[in-house]
Amino acid sequence: MAAVYAQPAAANYFTAPAHAPPKQRGYRICDQCGTVEQPHIGRFRLCGGCMITQYCSQDCQKAHWPSHKPICQHTVSQISSAKQQPGPGAMDDGLVKGLRKFVSAHSSLLSWAGFQALQLKRVPSNIRQNALLIELDYRHSSSDSLRRFSIKGAHVVPRTYVTDSDPLVGQDIMRREERCRKSGGIGCVVVIIQCGEISQVMPVEVDSPSRISWDMREDWPQVLQHYVESGRTDFKPISTTARG
């Protein structure tokens, strides 16, 4: 029996904003020094190769390059190979670029979905065992880049789905987890966004659940689909707990 909630997962679930929301950049941490991005002070830069790792300054980017080089070149190589694979959509450069934009635009929603899917509020240890796999369909004809992707399916898989098949990505996740735990968090939620033969792994560093006011929600698949299908990037989770 499906759970029934007195309130939706987001305050604006039923009402879209009157004006287009500002571009969401998500929660960024400098991969060299661990500084948290403060957009009103200065925006972080993404690595021009993998377009995943972020830095607070050019100095940090240069200092981090020796350790980042293997995973960066590996990611670039995978993207290049995926473009050359035969099959529907695989040769489309727009698919690769669109997937990166999708992950960036929906970072808050994807992070929240990963937290809920793994039930980290109730069982924090799940973060070490499982990951959330989100499968997408791609519509070439859509003029709206945010509506080119739709949710095909979303389910929990063993984390080894990534770490065993791609050891370099696994090492990068472990590095991020170690940094997160040193700062009081519990590790990284691994969210895998996959569209055909192309995928992107999104490690999300998670604070201690005791400091997170989000409620546990079993309707996360419906919430995920609602925002993605409507092309909305304004998801902001709310808490309905008495202490939230």
Protein backbone atom coordinates (compact mmCIF):
# COMPACT_ATOMS: atom_id res chain seq x y z
CA MET A 1 0.00 0.00 0.00
CA ALA A 2 1.41 3.38 -1.03
CA ALA A 3 2.20 5.86 1.73
CA VAL A 4 -0.08 8.89 2.04
CA TYR A 5 1.41 12.25 3.05
CA ALA A 6 -0.34 15.28 4.48
CA GLN A 7 2.03 17.58 2.59
CA PRO A 8 3.96 17.25 -0.66
CA ALA A 9 7.74 16.81 -0.64
CA ALA A 10 8.25 20.40 -1.82
CA ALA A 11 6.30 23.52 -0.93
CA ASN A 12 5.97 24.45 -4.62
CA TYR A 13 5.11 20.94 -5.83
CA PHE A 14 1.76 21.94 -7.32
CA THR A 15 2.63 25.49 -8.36
CA ALA A 16 5.38 26.32 -10.81
CA PRO A 17 7.16 29.68 -10.35
CA ALA A 18 5.67 32.64 -12.22
CA HIS A 19 9.09 33.46 -13.63
CA ALA A 20 11.89 31.17 -14.75
CA PRO A 21 13.99 30.20 -11.71
CA PRO A 22 17.66 31.18 -11.66
CA LYS A 23 20.05 28.54 -12.92
CA GLN A 24 20.80 26.02 -10.20
CA ARG A 25 24.45 25.13 -9.70
CA GLY A 26 23.96 22.73 -6.85
CA TYR A 27 26.19 22.16 -3.83
CA ARG A 28 29.85 22.53 -4.79
CA ILE A 29 32.99 21.77 -2.77
CA CYS A 30 36.51 22.55 -3.91
CA ASP A 31 38.17 19.21 -4.58
CA GLN A 32 41.54 20.53 -3.43
CA CYS A 33 40.92 22.52 -0.25
CA GLY A 34 37.35 21.54 0.67
CA THR A 35 35.98 25.10 0.62
CA VAL A 36 32.20 25.31 0.13
CA GLU A 37 31.02 27.52 -2.73
CA GLN A 38 29.39 30.83 -1.79
CA PRO A 39 27.83 32.03 -5.09
CA HIS A 40 27.35 35.59 -3.84
CA ILE A 41 31.11 35.81 -3.22
CA GLY A 42 32.49 33.90 -6.18
CA ARG A 43 31.55 30.96 -8.37
CA PHE A 44 33.62 27.82 -8.57
CA ARG A 45 35.07 26.54 -11.84
CA LEU A 46 34.63 23.10 -13.33
CA CYS A 47 37.48 21.06 -14.73
CA GLY A 48 37.40 21.63 -18.50
CA GLY A 49 38.20 17.97 -19.15
CA CYS A 50 35.77 15.88 -17.11
CA MET A 51 33.35 18.74 -16.37
CA ILE A 52 32.65 17.14 -12.97
CA THR A 53 35.40 18.13 -10.54
CA GLN A 54 35.19 21.70 -9.20
CA TYR A 55 37.65 24.19 -7.75
CA CYS A 56 37.49 27.47 -5.88
CA SER A 57 40.52 28.90 -7.71
CA GLN A 58 42.99 28.27 -10.47
CA ASP A 59 45.70 27.67 -7.86
CA CYS A 60 43.70 24.83 -6.32
CA GLN A 61 43.03 23.37 -9.76
CA LYS A 62 46.75 23.35 -10.58
CA ALA A 63 47.67 21.85 -7.20
CA HIS A 64 45.09 19.08 -7.60
CA TRP A 65 45.96 18.13 -11.17
CA PRO A 66 48.59 15.43 -10.38
CA SER A 67 46.04 13.41 -8.37
CA HIS A 68 43.08 14.32 -10.58
CA LYS A 69 44.77 13.54 -13.90
CA PRO A 70 44.04 9.75 -13.98
CA ILE A 71 40.28 10.02 -13.30
CA CYS A 72 39.96 13.08 -15.54
CA GLN A 73 41.60 11.43 -18.54
CA HIS A 74 39.62 8.25 -17.85
CA THR A 75 36.32 10.18 -17.85
CA VAL A 76 37.19 12.07 -21.04
CA SER A 77 38.13 8.78 -22.72
CA GLN A 78 34.84 7.16 -21.72
CA ILE A 79 32.83 10.07 -23.08
CA SER A 80 34.75 9.99 -26.35
CA SER A 81 34.20 6.24 -26.69
CA ALA A 82 30.49 6.56 -25.96
CA LYS A 83 30.09 9.08 -28.77
CA GLN A 84 31.53 6.56 -31.21
CA GLN A 85 29.31 3.67 -30.18
CA PRO A 86 26.69 2.58 -32.74
CA GLY A 87 23.04 2.73 -31.82
CA PRO A 88 20.24 5.26 -31.39
CA GLY A 89 21.39 8.44 -29.73
CA ALA A 90 24.94 7.27 -29.06
CA MET A 91 26.43 9.33 -31.88
CA ASP A 92 24.55 12.45 -30.85
CA ASP A 93 26.91 15.03 -29.31
CA GLY A 94 23.83 16.72 -27.87
CA LEU A 95 23.12 13.66 -25.74
CA VAL A 96 26.48 13.85 -23.96
CA LYS A 97 26.26 17.60 -23.40
CA GLY A 98 22.60 17.34 -22.48
CA LEU A 99 23.27 14.70 -19.84
CA ARG A 100 25.82 16.95 -18.14
CA LYS A 101 23.35 19.85 -18.17
CA PHE A 102 20.61 17.58 -16.84
CA VAL A 103 22.72 16.49 -13.87
CA SER A 104 23.77 20.06 -13.11
CA ALA A 105 20.25 21.50 -13.40
CA HIS A 106 18.64 18.79 -11.24
CA SER A 107 21.47 18.32 -8.73
CA SER A 108 19.32 19.19 -5.70
CA LEU A 109 16.53 16.85 -6.80
CA LEU A 110 18.91 13.98 -7.62
CA SER A 111 20.73 14.36 -4.28
CA TRP A 112 17.44 14.28 -2.39
CA ALA A 113 16.21 11.26 -4.35
CA GLY A 114 19.43 9.38 -3.55
CA PHE A 115 19.08 10.19 0.16
CA GLN A 116 15.48 8.96 0.17
CA ALA A 117 16.01 5.87 -1.99
CA LEU A 118 18.75 4.60 0.31
CA GLN A 119 16.64 5.45 3.41
CA LEU A 120 19.61 7.19 5.01
CA LYS A 121 17.49 8.92 7.64
CA ARG A 122 16.67 5.50 9.09
CA VAL A 123 19.66 3.37 8.02
CA PRO A 124 22.76 5.57 7.47
CA SER A 125 24.94 2.48 6.86
CA ASN A 126 23.12 1.91 3.53
CA ILE A 127 25.35 4.61 2.07
CA ARG A 128 28.27 2.16 2.01
CA GLN A 129 26.39 -0.67 0.32
CA ASN A 130 23.94 0.75 -2.19
CA ALA A 131 23.54 3.33 -4.94
CA LEU A 132 20.62 4.87 -6.83
CA LEU A 133 20.43 4.10 -10.55
CA ILE A 134 18.29 6.51 -12.56
CA GLU A 135 17.63 5.42 -16.15
CA LEU A 136 16.64 8.06 -18.68
CA ASP A 137 15.07 8.14 -22.11
CA TYR A 138 16.23 10.80 -24.59
CA ARG A 139 13.99 12.73 -26.98
CA HIS A 140 16.02 14.22 -29.84
CA SER A 141 13.19 16.36 -31.17
CA SER A 142 12.40 18.42 -28.08
CA SER A 143 13.33 22.10 -28.42
CA ASP A 144 13.57 22.45 -24.62
CA SER A 145 16.87 20.97 -23.43
CA LEU A 146 15.41 20.22 -19.99
CA ARG A 147 12.56 18.21 -21.54
CA ARG A 148 14.74 16.02 -23.73
CA PHE A 149 15.15 13.55 -20.89
CA SER A 150 12.42 11.57 -19.18
CA ILE A 151 12.56 9.06 -16.35
CA LYS A 152 12.58 5.48 -17.64
CA GLY A 153 13.15 3.93 -14.25
CA ALA A 154 14.84 4.44 -10.88
CA HIS A 155 15.89 1.76 -8.44
CA VAL A 156 18.47 0.89 -5.81
CA VAL A 157 21.44 -1.22 -6.92
CA PRO A 158 24.55 -2.46 -5.10
CA ARG A 159 27.32 0.12 -5.08
CA THR A 160 29.55 -2.49 -6.72
CA TYR A 161 27.53 -1.75 -9.89
CA VAL A 162 29.98 1.15 -10.25
CA THR A 163 33.02 0.35 -8.14
CA ASP A 164 33.65 -3.14 -9.54
CA SER A 165 33.19 -2.16 -13.17
CA ASP A 166 35.18 1.07 -12.92
CA PRO A 167 37.92 0.98 -10.22
CA LEU A 168 39.11 4.54 -10.96
CA VAL A 169 35.65 5.92 -10.30
CA GLY A 170 35.52 3.79 -7.16
CA GLN A 171 38.78 5.30 -5.93
CA ASP A 172 37.46 8.80 -6.57
CA ILE A 173 34.33 8.03 -4.55
CA MET A 174 36.44 6.70 -1.66
CA ARG A 175 38.54 9.87 -1.69
CA ARG A 176 35.42 12.03 -1.47
CA GLU A 177 34.00 9.86 1.30
CA GLU A 178 37.14 10.19 3.38
CA ARG A 179 36.99 13.97 3.06
CA CYS A 180 33.30 14.00 3.95
CA ARG A 181 33.77 11.87 7.08
CA LYS A 182 36.62 14.04 8.30
CA SER A 183 34.20 16.98 8.26
CA GLY A 184 31.53 15.08 10.22
CA GLY A 185 29.49 13.58 7.37
CA ILE A 186 28.64 9.94 6.73
CA GLY A 187 30.03 9.56 3.21
CA CYS A 188 28.84 9.81 -0.38
CA VAL A 189 25.50 8.89 -1.86
CA VAL A 190 26.30 7.46 -5.28
CA VAL A 191 23.71 8.42 -7.91
CA ILE A 192 24.18 6.88 -11.36
CA ILE A 193 22.41 8.66 -14.20
CA GLN A 194 22.29 6.45 -17.27
CA CYS A 195 20.92 7.04 -20.76
CA GLY A 196 21.59 4.19 -23.17
CA GLU A 197 25.32 3.51 -23.22
CA ILE A 198 26.19 6.85 -21.63
CA SER A 199 26.25 7.35 -17.89
CA GLN A 200 27.41 9.85 -15.30
CA VAL A 201 28.25 9.03 -11.71
CA MET A 202 27.26 11.70 -9.21
CA PRO A 203 28.84 11.28 -5.74
CA VAL A 204 26.96 13.44 -3.21
CA GLU A 205 28.68 14.12 0.10
CA VAL A 206 26.12 13.72 2.90
CA ASP A 207 26.05 15.42 6.28
CA SER A 208 25.11 13.47 9.41
CA PRO A 209 21.38 12.53 9.17
CA SER A 210 20.86 13.95 12.65
CA ARG A 211 21.59 17.39 11.18
CA ILE A 212 19.27 16.96 8.19
CA SER A 213 15.63 17.92 8.66
CA TRP A 214 14.30 16.11 5.58
CA ASP A 215 11.56 13.62 6.29
CA MET A 216 11.74 10.09 5.00
CA ARG A 217 9.65 9.90 1.82
CA GLU A 218 8.58 6.75 0.03
CA ASP A 219 7.10 8.76 -2.83
CA TRP A 220 10.51 9.93 -4.08
CA PRO A 221 10.09 8.18 -7.50
CA GLN A 222 6.89 10.13 -8.17
CA VAL A 223 8.48 13.41 -7.01
CA LEU A 224 11.52 12.76 -9.19
CA GLN A 225 9.37 12.09 -12.24
CA HIS A 226 7.10 15.07 -11.56
CA TYR A 227 9.93 17.63 -11.64
CA VAL A 228 11.87 16.04 -14.50
CA GLU A 229 8.85 15.56 -16.77
CA SER A 230 7.74 19.16 -16.23
CA GLY A 231 11.24 20.51 -16.92
CA ARG A 232 11.35 22.27 -13.55
CA THR A 233 14.63 22.85 -11.70
CA ASP A 234 13.19 24.65 -8.67
CA PHE A 235 12.89 21.66 -6.34
CA LYS A 236 13.49 22.54 -2.70
CA PRO A 237 12.66 19.84 -0.13
CA ILE A 238 10.70 20.76 2.95
CA SER A 239 10.44 19.14 6.37
CA THR A 240 7.16 18.34 8.07
CA THR A 241 8.73 17.09 11.28
CA ALA A 242 7.95 18.97 14.46
CA ARG A 243 11.62 19.81 14.91
CA GLY A 244 12.27 20.46 11.18
